[in-house]
């Protein structure tokens, strides 16, 4: 059985691995579905994975029920399939937002690692995983290892704008500092809600989240310009909110180096007033998952070198 180091980003809005992503929704079915697309079978039960975008909700503690455990199995299957495998000995690498890292890390690791030998079916295919271990890192920081050299000698703020939360981690001398972090609950889910409130006020109707997310990600969309104008204005207002949030926490927008990541990084890149600011945007939604993998790989490589 091949060994795989596999990173998973357990987002409130999306589950992400290095090569896959799907919505963080799970529904248990009473009977076996006729269509097994996006269906996970585990211990005789069937779960529909990745429901409608309106169903996505923010969950502070992901260990309160089995939802994120089932979503983890689906992520394992999706990523293994992307790597051309259906069985592997897996070392799982994942993370938590800075605000919850210390208080939830041990419980989250225990939650994900509660079974070592796993057999399940996803989208009709059988998968067998031997879970060798679970590592939990600080979300955001693990994804910017290659950028840390650029923070040398500078005061830097890493801002991870996720689906449910906005977390800012101050960095000094290439490490998280003891300065005031940013903790906010107005992530991209709230942003999408704000856009639809603006559309309702102007036109009396909403836009599908898919349309809004496409505009957030690409900056454009083929549609009625009157509607697009309202959407762009609301997205611009969200970036103003983020910058005001940063200033409110005592950070100087023209002296700090600011690194935006997460799903909201694309909003800051496409709609933010970034002129005159030292800003880096990492809109890749897979960055955390890949960062977790690279962190664990480097740790294992260092241990092997010491043992050798």
C-alpha atoms as a PDB file:
ATOM      1  CA  UNK A   1       0.000   0.000   0.000  1.00  0.00           C
ATOM      2  CA  UNK A   2       1.490   3.329  -1.095  1.00  0.00           C
ATOM      3  CA  UNK A   3       1.961   6.109   1.442  1.00  0.00           C
ATOM      4  CA  UNK A   4       0.383   9.488   0.752  1.00  0.00           C
ATOM      5  CA  UNK A   5       0.673  12.769   2.624  1.00  0.00           C
ATOM      6  CA  UNK A   6      -2.712  14.380   2.049  1.00  0.00           C
ATOM      7  CA  UNK A   7      -3.818  17.866   3.085  1.00  0.00           C
ATOM      8  CA  UNK A   8      -7.424  18.866   3.680  1.00  0.00           C
ATOM      9  CA  UNK A   9      -8.774  22.361   4.315  1.00  0.00           C
ATOM     10  CA  UNK A  10     -12.045  21.981   6.252  1.00  0.00           C
ATOM     11  CA  UNK A  11     -13.715  25.228   5.223  1.00  0.00           C
ATOM     12  CA  UNK A  12     -17.130  26.438   6.309  1.00  0.00           C
ATOM     13  CA  UNK A  13     -18.063  26.933   2.670  1.00  0.00           C
ATOM     14  CA  UNK A  14     -15.878  24.444   0.834  1.00  0.00           C
ATOM     15  CA  UNK A  15     -13.784  21.354   1.504  1.00  0.00           C
ATOM     16  CA  UNK A  16     -10.479  21.659  -0.333  1.00  0.00           C
ATOM     17  CA  UNK A  17      -7.614  19.296  -1.050  1.00  0.00           C
ATOM     18  CA  UNK A  18      -4.563  19.940  -3.219  1.00  0.00           C
ATOM     19  CA  UNK A  19      -6.531  19.087  -6.358  1.00  0.00           C
ATOM     20  CA  UNK A  20     -10.244  19.036  -5.495  1.00  0.00           C
ATOM     21  CA  UNK A  21     -12.970  21.157  -3.918  1.00  0.00           C
ATOM     22  CA  UNK A  22     -16.655  20.760  -3.130  1.00  0.00           C
ATOM     23  CA  UNK A  23     -19.243  22.446  -0.920  1.00  0.00           C
ATOM     24  CA  UNK A  24     -19.137  21.630   2.803  1.00  0.00           C
ATOM     25  CA  UNK A  25     -22.614  20.158   2.968  1.00  0.00           C
ATOM     26  CA  UNK A  26     -23.661  16.621   3.866  1.00  0.00           C
ATOM     27  CA  UNK A  27     -27.114  15.025   4.106  1.00  0.00           C
ATOM     28  CA  UNK A  28     -27.811  11.480   5.263  1.00  0.00           C
ATOM     29  CA  UNK A  29     -30.159   9.560   2.988  1.00  0.00           C
ATOM     30  CA  UNK A  30     -32.743   7.116   4.335  1.00  0.00           C
ATOM     31  CA  UNK A  31     -32.272   4.736   1.395  1.00  0.00           C
ATOM     32  CA  UNK A  32     -29.586   4.069  -1.203  1.00  0.00           C
ATOM     33  CA  UNK A  33     -29.850   6.732  -3.924  1.00  0.00           C
ATOM     34  CA  UNK A  34     -30.392   5.568  -7.475  1.00  0.00           C
ATOM     35  CA  UNK A  35     -27.715   8.026  -8.600  1.00  0.00           C
ATOM     36  CA  UNK A  36     -24.458   7.596  -6.667  1.00  0.00           C
ATOM     37  CA  UNK A  37     -22.909  10.808  -7.969  1.00  0.00           C
ATOM     38  CA  UNK A  38     -21.593  12.777  -4.953  1.00  0.00           C
ATOM     39  CA  UNK A  39     -22.737   9.945  -2.660  1.00  0.00           C
ATOM     40  CA  UNK A  40     -20.594   8.460   0.112  1.00  0.00           C
ATOM     41  CA  UNK A  41     -21.374   5.030   1.558  1.00  0.00           C
ATOM     42  CA  UNK A  42     -19.900   4.363   5.006  1.00  0.00           C
ATOM     43  CA  UNK A  43     -20.904   1.625   7.454  1.00  0.00           C
ATOM     44  CA  UNK A  44     -24.131   0.879   5.614  1.00  0.00           C
ATOM     45  CA  UNK A  45     -25.291   4.509   5.489  1.00  0.00           C
ATOM     46  CA  UNK A  46     -25.501   6.812   2.483  1.00  0.00           C
ATOM     47  CA  UNK A  47     -24.621  10.500   2.478  1.00  0.00           C
ATOM     48  CA  UNK A  48     -25.134  13.129  -0.219  1.00  0.00           C
ATOM     49  CA  UNK A  49     -22.082  15.386  -0.399  1.00  0.00           C
ATOM     50  CA  UNK A  50     -21.946  18.994  -1.563  1.00  0.00           C
ATOM     51  CA  UNK A  51     -25.553  20.200  -1.646  1.00  0.00           C
ATOM     52  CA  UNK A  52     -26.840  23.568  -2.784  1.00  0.00           C
ATOM     53  CA  UNK A  53     -24.860  26.695  -1.986  1.00  0.00           C
ATOM     54  CA  UNK A  54     -27.720  28.141   0.043  1.00  0.00           C
ATOM     55  CA  UNK A  55     -27.388  25.222   2.482  1.00  0.00           C
ATOM     56  CA  UNK A  56     -23.857  26.146   3.593  1.00  0.00           C
ATOM     57  CA  UNK A  57     -23.634  27.318   7.195  1.00  0.00           C
ATOM     58  CA  UNK A  58     -20.869  28.395   9.569  1.00  0.00           C
ATOM     59  CA  UNK A  59     -19.837  25.827  12.171  1.00  0.00           C
ATOM     60  CA  UNK A  60     -17.474  27.073  14.884  1.00  0.00           C
ATOM     61  CA  UNK A  61     -16.676  23.653  16.347  1.00  0.00           C
ATOM     62  CA  UNK A  62     -16.448  21.058  13.600  1.00  0.00           C
ATOM     63  CA  UNK A  63     -16.379  18.148  16.079  1.00  0.00           C
ATOM     64  CA  UNK A  64     -19.939  18.647  17.381  1.00  0.00           C
ATOM     65  CA  UNK A  65     -21.367  16.075  14.953  1.00  0.00           C
ATOM     66  CA  UNK A  66     -20.204  13.646  12.260  1.00  0.00           C
ATOM     67  CA  UNK A  67     -20.638  16.019   9.316  1.00  0.00           C
ATOM     68  CA  UNK A  68     -16.980  16.984   8.942  1.00  0.00           C
ATOM     69  CA  UNK A  69     -15.860  13.411   9.514  1.00  0.00           C
ATOM     70  CA  UNK A  70     -18.019  12.286   6.582  1.00  0.00           C
ATOM     71  CA  UNK A  71     -16.786  15.256   4.542  1.00  0.00           C
ATOM     72  CA  UNK A  72     -13.211  14.215   5.375  1.00  0.00           C
ATOM     73  CA  UNK A  73     -13.835  10.738   3.969  1.00  0.00           C
ATOM     74  CA  UNK A  74     -15.246  12.268   0.797  1.00  0.00           C
ATOM     75  CA  UNK A  75     -12.186  14.520   0.521  1.00  0.00           C
ATOM     76  CA  UNK A  76      -9.855  11.563   0.983  1.00  0.00           C
ATOM     77  CA  UNK A  77     -11.648   9.706  -1.795  1.00  0.00           C
ATOM     78  CA  UNK A  78     -11.727  12.693  -4.150  1.00  0.00           C
ATOM     79  CA  UNK A  79      -8.033  13.457  -3.713  1.00  0.00           C
ATOM     80  CA  UNK A  80      -6.916   9.833  -3.929  1.00  0.00           C
ATOM     81  CA  UNK A  81      -8.914   9.465  -7.134  1.00  0.00           C
ATOM     82  CA  UNK A  82      -7.239  12.601  -8.488  1.00  0.00           C
ATOM     83  CA  UNK A  83      -3.905  10.870  -7.781  1.00  0.00           C
ATOM     84  CA  UNK A  84      -5.020   7.696  -9.534  1.00  0.00           C
ATOM     85  CA  UNK A  85      -5.375   5.611  -6.365  1.00  0.00           C
ATOM     86  CA  UNK A  86      -8.174   3.943  -4.435  1.00  0.00           C
ATOM     87  CA  UNK A  87      -6.114   2.731  -1.490  1.00  0.00           C
ATOM     88  CA  UNK A  88      -3.239   4.230   0.494  1.00  0.00           C
ATOM     89  CA  UNK A  89      -1.601   4.604   3.862  1.00  0.00           C
ATOM     90  CA  UNK A  90      -2.374   8.250   4.584  1.00  0.00           C
ATOM     91  CA  UNK A  91      -0.751  10.804   6.809  1.00  0.00           C
ATOM     92  CA  UNK A  92      -3.439  13.478   7.068  1.00  0.00           C
ATOM     93  CA  UNK A  93      -2.457  17.140   7.359  1.00  0.00           C
ATOM     94  CA  UNK A  94      -5.074  19.737   8.189  1.00  0.00           C
ATOM     95  CA  UNK A  95      -5.530  22.983  10.102  1.00  0.00           C
ATOM     96  CA  UNK A  96      -7.645  25.306  12.217  1.00  0.00           C
ATOM     97  CA  UNK A  97      -8.068  29.099  12.259  1.00  0.00           C
ATOM     98  CA  UNK A  98      -5.670  30.884  14.639  1.00  0.00           C
ATOM     99  CA  UNK A  99      -8.475  31.864  17.025  1.00  0.00           C
ATOM    100  CA  UNK A 100      -9.369  28.209  17.666  1.00  0.00           C
ATOM    101  CA  UNK A 101      -6.035  26.513  17.166  1.00  0.00           C
ATOM    102  CA  UNK A 102      -4.956  26.212  20.809  1.00  0.00           C
ATOM    103  CA  UNK A 103      -8.401  25.354  22.190  1.00  0.00           C
ATOM    104  CA  UNK A 104      -9.564  22.916  19.498  1.00  0.00           C
ATOM    105  CA  UNK A 105      -6.409  21.340  18.063  1.00  0.00           C
ATOM    106  CA  UNK A 106      -6.273  18.223  20.262  1.00  0.00           C
ATOM    107  CA  UNK A 107     -10.009  17.519  19.988  1.00  0.00           C
ATOM    108  CA  UNK A 108      -9.944  17.997  16.203  1.00  0.00           C
ATOM    109  CA  UNK A 109      -6.983  15.646  15.806  1.00  0.00           C
ATOM    110  CA  UNK A 110      -8.746  13.014  17.922  1.00  0.00           C
ATOM    111  CA  UNK A 111     -11.995  13.512  15.980  1.00  0.00           C
ATOM    112  CA  UNK A 112     -10.325  12.966  12.593  1.00  0.00           C
ATOM    113  CA  UNK A 113      -8.119  10.100  13.788  1.00  0.00           C
ATOM    114  CA  UNK A 114     -10.733   8.066  15.649  1.00  0.00           C
ATOM    115  CA  UNK A 115     -10.506   5.181  13.153  1.00  0.00           C
ATOM    116  CA  UNK A 116      -7.339   3.952  11.474  1.00  0.00           C
ATOM    117  CA  UNK A 117      -8.641   1.348   9.049  1.00  0.00           C
ATOM    118  CA  UNK A 118     -11.244   2.897   6.769  1.00  0.00           C
ATOM    119  CA  UNK A 119     -13.305   1.271   4.035  1.00  0.00           C
ATOM    120  CA  UNK A 120     -15.962   3.252   2.213  1.00  0.00           C
ATOM    121  CA  UNK A 121     -17.400   3.915  -1.221  1.00  0.00           C
ATOM    122  CA  UNK A 122     -17.594   7.276  -2.938  1.00  0.00           C
ATOM    123  CA  UNK A 123     -19.480   7.822  -6.177  1.00  0.00           C
ATOM    124  CA  UNK A 124     -19.737   4.048  -6.521  1.00  0.00           C
ATOM    125  CA  UNK A 125     -15.988   3.391  -6.160  1.00  0.00           C
ATOM    126  CA  UNK A 126     -14.449   1.539  -3.219  1.00  0.00           C
ATOM    127  CA  UNK A 127     -11.660   3.151  -1.205  1.00  0.00           C
ATOM    128  CA  UNK A 128      -9.447   1.641   1.496  1.00  0.00           C
ATOM    129  CA  UNK A 129      -7.371   3.912   3.711  1.00  0.00           C
ATOM    130  CA  UNK A 130      -5.032   3.146   6.562  1.00  0.00           C
ATOM    131  CA  UNK A 131      -4.743   6.380   8.532  1.00  0.00           C
ATOM    132  CA  UNK A 132      -1.199   6.536   9.897  1.00  0.00           C
ATOM    133  CA  UNK A 133      -1.672   9.831  11.713  1.00  0.00           C
ATOM    134  CA  UNK A 134      -3.241  13.284  11.805  1.00  0.00           C
ATOM    135  CA  UNK A 135      -1.356  16.587  12.041  1.00  0.00           C
ATOM    136  CA  UNK A 136      -3.149  19.880  12.706  1.00  0.00           C
ATOM    137  CA  UNK A 137      -1.471  23.188  11.796  1.00  0.00           C
ATOM    138  CA  UNK A 138      -2.382  26.836  12.057  1.00  0.00           C
ATOM    139  CA  UNK A 139      -4.550  27.784   9.101  1.00  0.00           C
ATOM    140  CA  UNK A 140      -3.056  30.377   6.776  1.00  0.00           C
ATOM    141  CA  UNK A 141       0.489  30.391   8.109  1.00  0.00           C
ATOM    142  CA  UNK A 142       1.283  26.939   6.681  1.00  0.00           C
ATOM    143  CA  UNK A 143       0.326  28.175   3.202  1.00  0.00           C
ATOM    144  CA  UNK A 144       2.795  31.060   2.945  1.00  0.00           C
ATOM    145  CA  UNK A 145       6.088  29.337   3.768  1.00  0.00           C
ATOM    146  CA  UNK A 146       7.546  30.375   0.415  1.00  0.00           C
ATOM    147  CA  UNK A 147       6.575  34.015   1.071  1.00  0.00           C
ATOM    148  CA  UNK A 148       8.039  34.301   4.564  1.00  0.00           C
ATOM    149  CA  UNK A 149      11.386  35.532   3.252  1.00  0.00           C
ATOM    150  CA  UNK A 150       9.555  38.594   1.903  1.00  0.00           C
ATOM    151  CA  UNK A 151       8.403  39.458   5.426  1.00  0.00           C
ATOM    152  CA  UNK A 152      11.967  39.642   6.813  1.00  0.00           C
ATOM    153  CA  UNK A 153      12.455  42.966   8.557  1.00  0.00           C
ATOM    154  CA  UNK A 154       8.841  44.004   7.982  1.00  0.00           C
ATOM    155  CA  UNK A 155       5.662  44.064  10.004  1.00  0.00           C
ATOM    156  CA  UNK A 156       3.258  41.820   8.131  1.00  0.00           C
ATOM    157  CA  UNK A 157      -0.370  40.817   8.488  1.00  0.00           C
ATOM    158  CA  UNK A 158      -1.712  37.562   7.071  1.00  0.00           C
ATOM    159  CA  UNK A 159      -5.468  37.871   6.480  1.00  0.00           C
ATOM    160  CA  UNK A 160      -7.337  34.657   5.682  1.00  0.00           C
ATOM    161  CA  UNK A 161     -10.815  35.517   4.367  1.00  0.00           C
ATOM    162  CA  UNK A 162     -12.748  32.262   4.482  1.00  0.00           C
ATOM    163  CA  UNK A 163     -16.380  31.403   3.998  1.00  0.00           C
ATOM    164  CA  UNK A 164     -17.423  31.983   7.599  1.00  0.00           C
ATOM    165  CA  UNK A 165     -14.632  33.981   9.189  1.00  0.00           C
ATOM    166  CA  UNK A 166     -11.890  36.545   8.680  1.00  0.00           C
ATOM    167  CA  UNK A 167      -8.709  35.805  10.629  1.00  0.00           C
ATOM    168  CA  UNK A 168      -5.695  38.092  10.732  1.00  0.00           C
ATOM    169  CA  UNK A 169      -2.346  36.796  11.982  1.00  0.00           C
ATOM    170  CA  UNK A 170       0.399  39.388  12.639  1.00  0.00           C
ATOM    171  CA  UNK A 171       3.861  38.273  11.529  1.00  0.00           C
ATOM    172  CA  UNK A 172       7.208  39.723  12.582  1.00  0.00           C
ATOM    173  CA  UNK A 173      10.635  38.326  11.673  1.00  0.00           C
ATOM    174  CA  UNK A 174       8.988  35.522   9.687  1.00  0.00           C
ATOM    175  CA  UNK A 175       6.974  34.220  12.659  1.00  0.00           C
ATOM    176  CA  UNK A 176       3.528  34.887  14.179  1.00  0.00           C
ATOM    177  CA  UNK A 177       3.933  37.682  16.715  1.00  0.00           C
ATOM    178  CA  UNK A 178       2.101  38.485  19.920  1.00  0.00           C
ATOM    179  CA  UNK A 179       0.446  41.549  18.397  1.00  0.00           C
ATOM    180  CA  UNK A 180      -3.336  41.837  18.281  1.00  0.00           C
ATOM    181  CA  UNK A 181      -4.916  39.288  15.917  1.00  0.00           C
ATOM    182  CA  UNK A 182      -8.016  40.005  13.869  1.00  0.00           C
ATOM    183  CA  UNK A 183     -11.096  37.918  14.632  1.00  0.00           C
ATOM    184  CA  UNK A 184     -14.232  38.580  12.609  1.00  0.00           C
ATOM    185  CA  UNK A 185     -17.258  36.539  11.523  1.00  0.00           C
ATOM    186  CA  UNK A 186     -18.035  38.302   8.240  1.00  0.00           C
ATOM    187  CA  UNK A 187     -16.454  36.001   5.676  1.00  0.00           C
ATOM    188  CA  UNK A 188     -17.475  35.465   2.068  1.00  0.00           C
ATOM    189  CA  UNK A 189     -20.810  33.878   3.011  1.00  0.00           C
ATOM    190  CA  UNK A 190     -21.767  37.218   4.591  1.00  0.00           C
ATOM    191  CA  UNK A 191     -20.384  39.032   1.544  1.00  0.00           C
ATOM    192  CA  UNK A 192     -22.665  37.053  -0.775  1.00  0.00           C
ATOM    193  CA  UNK A 193     -25.590  37.830   1.527  1.00  0.00           C
ATOM    194  CA  UNK A 194     -24.716  41.547   1.384  1.00  0.00           C
ATOM    195  CA  UNK A 195     -24.655  41.460  -2.425  1.00  0.00           C
ATOM    196  CA  UNK A 196     -28.111  39.885  -2.553  1.00  0.00           C
ATOM    197  CA  UNK A 197     -29.466  42.405  -0.066  1.00  0.00           C
ATOM    198  CA  UNK A 198     -28.267  45.175  -2.393  1.00  0.00           C
ATOM    199  CA  UNK A 199     -29.874  43.461  -5.397  1.00  0.00           C
ATOM    200  CA  UNK A 200     -33.158  43.021  -3.507  1.00  0.00           C
ATOM    201  CA  UNK A 201     -33.177  46.688  -2.519  1.00  0.00           C
ATOM    202  CA  UNK A 202     -32.520  47.802  -6.095  1.00  0.00           C
ATOM    203  CA  UNK A 203     -34.426  45.249  -8.207  1.00  0.00           C
ATOM    204  CA  UNK A 204     -36.494  43.109  -5.832  1.00  0.00           C
ATOM    205  CA  UNK A 205     -34.677  39.896  -6.782  1.00  0.00           C
ATOM    206  CA  UNK A 206     -31.471  38.035  -5.959  1.00  0.00           C
ATOM    207  CA  UNK A 207     -28.628  36.422  -7.910  1.00  0.00           C
ATOM    208  CA  UNK A 208     -27.569  32.812  -7.542  1.00  0.00           C
ATOM    209  CA  UNK A 209     -24.499  32.474  -5.307  1.00  0.00           C
ATOM    210  CA  UNK A 210     -22.733  30.795  -8.253  1.00  0.00           C
ATOM    211  CA  UNK A 211     -23.029  34.022 -10.273  1.00  0.00           C
ATOM    212  CA  UNK A 212     -21.788  36.178  -7.405  1.00  0.00           C
ATOM    213  CA  UNK A 213     -18.888  33.810  -6.734  1.00  0.00           C
ATOM    214  CA  UNK A 214     -17.910  33.873 -10.409  1.00  0.00           C
ATOM    215  CA  UNK A 215     -17.755  37.675 -10.308  1.00  0.00           C
ATOM    216  CA  UNK A 216     -15.835  37.560  -7.016  1.00  0.00           C
ATOM    217  CA  UNK A 217     -13.311  35.152  -8.509  1.00  0.00           C
ATOM    218  CA  UNK A 218     -12.901  36.607 -12.019  1.00  0.00           C
ATOM    219  CA  UNK A 219     -14.041  40.212 -11.691  1.00  0.00           C
ATOM    220  CA  UNK A 220     -16.489  39.880 -14.573  1.00  0.00           C
ATOM    221  CA  UNK A 221     -19.641  38.141 -15.817  1.00  0.00           C
ATOM    222  CA  UNK A 222     -21.774  38.291 -18.975  1.00  0.00           C
ATOM    223  CA  UNK A 223     -25.064  39.796 -17.814  1.00  0.00           C
ATOM    224  CA  UNK A 224     -27.221  42.906 -17.456  1.00  0.00           C
ATOM    225  CA  UNK A 225     -24.900  45.803 -16.710  1.00  0.00           C
ATOM    226  CA  UNK A 226     -27.374  47.392 -14.278  1.00  0.00           C
ATOM    227  CA  UNK A 227     -27.237  44.288 -12.087  1.00  0.00           C
ATOM    228  CA  UNK A 228     -23.492  43.920 -12.470  1.00  0.00           C
ATOM    229  CA  UNK A 229     -23.007  47.519 -11.360  1.00  0.00           C
ATOM    230  CA  UNK A 230     -24.856  46.846  -8.112  1.00  0.00           C
ATOM    231  CA  UNK A 231     -22.886  43.638  -7.534  1.00  0.00           C
ATOM    232  CA  UNK A 232     -19.538  45.336  -8.162  1.00  0.00           C
ATOM    233  CA  UNK A 233     -20.460  48.168  -5.817  1.00  0.00           C
ATOM    234  CA  UNK A 234     -21.388  45.730  -3.038  1.00  0.00           C
ATOM    235  CA  UNK A 235     -18.133  43.801  -3.522  1.00  0.00           C
ATOM    236  CA  UNK A 236     -16.178  47.034  -3.403  1.00  0.00           C
ATOM    237  CA  UNK A 237     -17.955  47.924  -0.159  1.00  0.00           C
ATOM    238  CA  UNK A 238     -16.928  44.553   1.270  1.00  0.00           C
ATOM    239  CA  UNK A 239     -13.260  45.294   0.530  1.00  0.00           C
ATOM    240  CA  UNK A 240     -13.685  48.651   2.275  1.00  0.00           C
ATOM    241  CA  UNK A 241     -15.087  46.779   5.263  1.00  0.00           C
ATOM    242  CA  UNK A 242     -12.015  44.500   5.327  1.00  0.00           C
ATOM    243  CA  UNK A 243      -9.572  47.413   5.131  1.00  0.00           C
ATOM    244  CA  UNK A 244     -11.472  49.314   7.832  1.00  0.00           C
ATOM    245  CA  UNK A 245     -11.394  46.170   9.974  1.00  0.00           C
ATOM    246  CA  UNK A 246      -7.623  46.044   9.616  1.00  0.00           C
ATOM    247  CA  UNK A 247      -7.272  49.732  10.532  1.00  0.00           C
ATOM    248  CA  UNK A 248      -9.614  49.315  13.505  1.00  0.00           C
ATOM    249  CA  UNK A 249      -7.205  46.742  14.925  1.00  0.00           C
ATOM    250  CA  UNK A 250      -4.357  49.233  14.823  1.00  0.00           C
ATOM    251  CA  UNK A 251      -2.623  48.302  11.578  1.00  0.00           C
ATOM    252  CA  UNK A 252      -1.343  50.975   9.177  1.00  0.00           C
ATOM    253  CA  UNK A 253      -2.442  50.100   5.641  1.00  0.00           C
ATOM    254  CA  UNK A 254       0.488  52.002   4.106  1.00  0.00           C
ATOM    255  CA  UNK A 255       3.242  50.545   6.307  1.00  0.00           C
ATOM    256  CA  UNK A 256       2.174  46.949   6.878  1.00  0.00           C
ATOM    257  CA  UNK A 257       2.749  44.219   4.327  1.00  0.00           C
ATOM    258  CA  UNK A 258      -0.656  42.560   3.925  1.00  0.00           C
ATOM    259  CA  UNK A 259      -1.098  39.045   2.558  1.00  0.00           C
ATOM    260  CA  UNK A 260      -4.675  38.106   1.673  1.00  0.00           C
ATOM    261  CA  UNK A 261      -5.592  34.464   1.181  1.00  0.00           C
ATOM    262  CA  UNK A 262      -8.698  32.289   1.192  1.00  0.00           C
ATOM    263  CA  UNK A 263     -11.747  32.683  -1.009  1.00  0.00           C
ATOM    264  CA  UNK A 264     -11.945  36.391  -0.188  1.00  0.00           C
ATOM    265  CA  UNK A 265      -8.463  37.104  -1.562  1.00  0.00           C
ATOM    266  CA  UNK A 266      -9.921  37.251  -5.071  1.00  0.00           C
ATOM    267  CA  UNK A 267     -12.408  39.915  -3.920  1.00  0.00           C
ATOM    268  CA  UNK A 268      -9.562  42.019  -2.521  1.00  0.00           C
ATOM    269  CA  UNK A 269      -7.555  41.497  -5.711  1.00  0.00           C
ATOM    270  CA  UNK A 270     -10.377  42.353  -8.112  1.00  0.00           C
ATOM    271  CA  UNK A 271     -12.334  44.996  -6.182  1.00  0.00           C
ATOM    272  CA  UNK A 272     -10.077  46.405  -3.461  1.00  0.00           C
ATOM    273  CA  UNK A 273      -8.440  49.836  -3.437  1.00  0.00           C
ATOM    274  CA  UNK A 274      -4.920  48.415  -3.288  1.00  0.00           C
ATOM    275  CA  UNK A 275      -3.044  51.395  -4.714  1.00  0.00           C
ATOM    276  CA  UNK A 276      -0.287  52.635  -2.420  1.00  0.00           C
ATOM    277  CA  UNK A 277      -0.457  49.492  -0.285  1.00  0.00           C
ATOM    278  CA  UNK A 278       2.015  46.612  -0.030  1.00  0.00           C
ATOM    279  CA  UNK A 279      -0.498  43.852  -0.772  1.00  0.00           C
ATOM    280  CA  UNK A 280      -0.131  40.256  -1.916  1.00  0.00           C
ATOM    281  CA  UNK A 281      -3.264  38.310  -2.853  1.00  0.00           C
ATOM    282  CA  UNK A 282      -3.276  34.505  -2.946  1.00  0.00           C
ATOM    283  CA  UNK A 283      -6.672  33.674  -4.479  1.00  0.00           C
ATOM    284  CA  UNK A 284      -5.850  29.957  -4.838  1.00  0.00           C
ATOM    285  CA  UNK A 285      -8.463  28.197  -2.679  1.00  0.00           C
ATOM    286  CA  UNK A 286      -6.213  25.122  -2.493  1.00  0.00           C
ATOM    287  CA  UNK A 287      -3.342  27.043  -0.859  1.00  0.00           C
ATOM    288  CA  UNK A 288      -4.064  25.910   2.712  1.00  0.00           C
ATOM    289  CA  UNK A 289      -4.389  22.225   1.785  1.00  0.00           C
ATOM    290  CA  UNK A 290      -1.152  22.327  -0.209  1.00  0.00           C
ATOM    291  CA  UNK A 291       0.532  24.252   2.590  1.00  0.00           C
ATOM    292  CA  UNK A 292      -0.437  21.608   5.140  1.00  0.00           C
ATOM    293  CA  UNK A 293       1.017  18.928   2.879  1.00  0.00           C
ATOM    294  CA  UNK A 294       4.286  20.776   2.333  1.00  0.00           C
ATOM    295  CA  UNK A 295       4.658  21.452   6.060  1.00  0.00           C
ATOM    296  CA  UNK A 296       4.196  17.790   6.946  1.00  0.00           C
ATOM    297  CA  UNK A 297       6.508  16.690   4.120  1.00  0.00           C
ATOM    298  CA  UNK A 298       9.267  19.001   5.364  1.00  0.00           C
ATOM    299  CA  UNK A 299       8.867  17.704   8.928  1.00  0.00           C
ATOM    300  CA  UNK A 300       9.077  14.077   7.819  1.00  0.00           C
ATOM    301  CA  UNK A 301      12.068  14.816   5.612  1.00  0.00           C
ATOM    302  CA  UNK A 302      13.858  16.468   8.537  1.00  0.00           C
ATOM    303  CA  UNK A 303      13.113  13.464  10.770  1.00  0.00           C
ATOM    304  CA  UNK A 304      14.418  11.063   8.137  1.00  0.00           C
ATOM    305  CA  UNK A 305      17.612  13.083   7.761  1.00  0.00           C
ATOM    306  CA  UNK A 306      18.147  13.046  11.530  1.00  0.00           C
ATOM    307  CA  UNK A 307      17.515   9.305  11.676  1.00  0.00           C
ATOM    308  CA  UNK A 308      19.920   8.715   8.801  1.00  0.00           C
END
